[in-house]
Amino acid sequence: MDDNCVLKIQVDYSNWNDADNIKRLWIMYHELTHDLFNVEHGHGGPMMDPSLPSELTKENFLKSKQTLINYLKLIKFKETCSKKGEDKLRELLKKN
């Protein structure tokens, strides 16, 4: 989070393996929104709450996803990398 040049998310491996596809999608949208858009818990609707809803259905997921997308359309996204991120990006580009 807060470094727009580096994508880094962490997922609990054991919970991930026990999750169905809807739960996995929810987790991925949640974590990617943190990292790519720097959105904190409590912003962007139910999908950005700190915990999963007690009843997670396909309909609940689709509604929450649309709420999140509508929120993301309203925020200003920083397209530039932090200095640290720019240095890392240049380092990676030199290697390849």
Protein backbone atom coordinates (compact mmCIF):
# COMPACT_ATOMS: atom_id res chain seq x y z
CA MET A 1 0.00 0.00 0.00
CA ASP A 2 1.14 3.55 -0.74
CA ASP A 3 3.76 2.44 -3.29
CA ASN A 4 2.11 2.46 -6.68
CA CYS A 5 5.06 0.79 -8.40
CA VAL A 6 5.04 -2.40 -6.36
CA LEU A 7 2.18 -4.86 -6.05
CA LYS A 8 2.37 -6.75 -2.79
CA ILE A 9 -0.45 -8.62 -1.14
CA GLN A 10 -0.52 -11.30 1.52
CA VAL A 11 -3.16 -13.98 1.88
CA ASP A 12 -3.48 -16.56 4.64
CA TYR A 13 -2.65 -19.79 2.80
CA SER A 14 -4.78 -22.13 4.93
CA ASN A 15 -7.86 -19.87 4.74
CA TRP A 16 -7.30 -19.48 0.99
CA ASN A 17 -7.31 -23.25 0.44
CA ASP A 18 -10.52 -23.64 2.44
CA ALA A 19 -12.31 -20.80 0.58
CA ASP A 20 -14.76 -21.20 -2.28
CA ASN A 21 -14.37 -19.11 -5.45
CA ILE A 22 -16.67 -16.29 -4.27
CA LYS A 23 -14.68 -15.88 -1.06
CA ARG A 24 -11.40 -15.95 -3.01
CA LEU A 25 -12.66 -13.25 -5.40
CA TRP A 26 -13.78 -11.14 -2.44
CA ILE A 27 -10.35 -11.45 -0.82
CA MET A 28 -8.52 -10.60 -4.06
CA TYR A 29 -10.65 -7.52 -4.78
CA HIS A 30 -10.18 -6.41 -1.16
CA GLU A 31 -6.39 -6.87 -1.10
CA LEU A 32 -5.79 -5.47 -4.60
CA THR A 33 -7.88 -2.41 -3.74
CA HIS A 34 -5.65 -1.80 -0.72
CA ASP A 35 -2.49 -2.09 -2.76
CA LEU A 36 -3.40 -0.58 -6.12
CA PHE A 37 -5.66 2.24 -4.94
CA ASN A 38 -4.47 2.77 -1.34
CA VAL A 39 -8.00 2.39 0.01
CA GLU A 40 -8.25 1.68 3.73
CA HIS A 41 -10.81 -0.37 5.64
CA GLY A 42 -14.19 1.32 5.94
CA HIS A 43 -14.00 3.10 2.56
CA GLY A 44 -15.56 1.79 -0.63
CA GLY A 45 -18.42 -0.25 0.76
CA PRO A 46 -18.74 -3.68 2.36
CA MET A 47 -15.91 -5.20 0.32
CA MET A 48 -13.43 -2.98 2.17
CA ASP A 49 -14.62 -3.89 5.65
CA PRO A 50 -11.89 -5.51 7.78
CA SER A 51 -13.73 -8.85 7.88
CA LEU A 52 -15.80 -10.94 5.51
CA PRO A 53 -19.58 -10.78 5.79
CA SER A 54 -21.20 -13.64 7.73
CA GLU A 55 -23.22 -14.63 4.66
CA LEU A 56 -21.23 -14.37 1.44
CA THR A 57 -23.32 -15.10 -1.65
CA LYS A 58 -22.76 -14.47 -5.34
CA GLU A 59 -25.40 -11.72 -5.24
CA ASN A 60 -23.77 -10.10 -2.19
CA PHE A 61 -20.38 -10.25 -3.93
CA LEU A 62 -21.67 -8.71 -7.18
CA LYS A 63 -23.47 -5.88 -5.36
CA SER A 64 -20.45 -5.13 -3.15
CA LYS A 65 -18.10 -5.25 -6.15
CA GLN A 66 -20.22 -2.68 -7.99
CA THR A 67 -20.28 -0.43 -4.92
CA LEU A 68 -16.49 -0.65 -4.74
CA ILE A 69 -16.06 0.11 -8.45
CA ASN A 70 -18.36 3.14 -8.15
CA TYR A 71 -16.28 4.37 -5.21
CA LEU A 72 -13.00 3.89 -7.09
CA LYS A 73 -14.33 5.97 -9.98
CA LEU A 74 -14.73 8.90 -7.56
CA ILE A 75 -11.31 8.87 -5.90
CA LYS A 76 -8.17 10.45 -7.27
CA PHE A 77 -5.61 7.79 -8.03
CA LYS A 78 -1.95 8.76 -7.80
CA GLU A 79 -0.41 7.50 -11.02
CA THR A 80 3.15 8.30 -10.08
CA CYS A 81 5.39 6.01 -8.13
CA SER A 82 7.05 6.91 -4.89
CA LYS A 83 10.78 7.62 -5.12
CA LYS A 84 11.50 4.25 -3.52
CA GLY A 85 9.19 2.54 -6.02
CA GLU A 86 10.77 4.36 -8.96
CA ASP A 87 14.21 3.17 -7.88
CA LYS A 88 12.97 -0.42 -7.59
CA LEU A 89 11.31 -0.21 -10.99
CA ARG A 90 14.48 1.15 -12.64
CA GLU A 91 16.50 -1.62 -10.98
CA LEU A 92 14.17 -4.29 -12.37
CA LEU A 93 14.23 -2.77 -15.85
CA LYS A 94 18.04 -2.75 -15.93
CA LYS A 95 18.12 -6.46 -15.11
CA ASN A 96 15.83 -7.42 -17.99
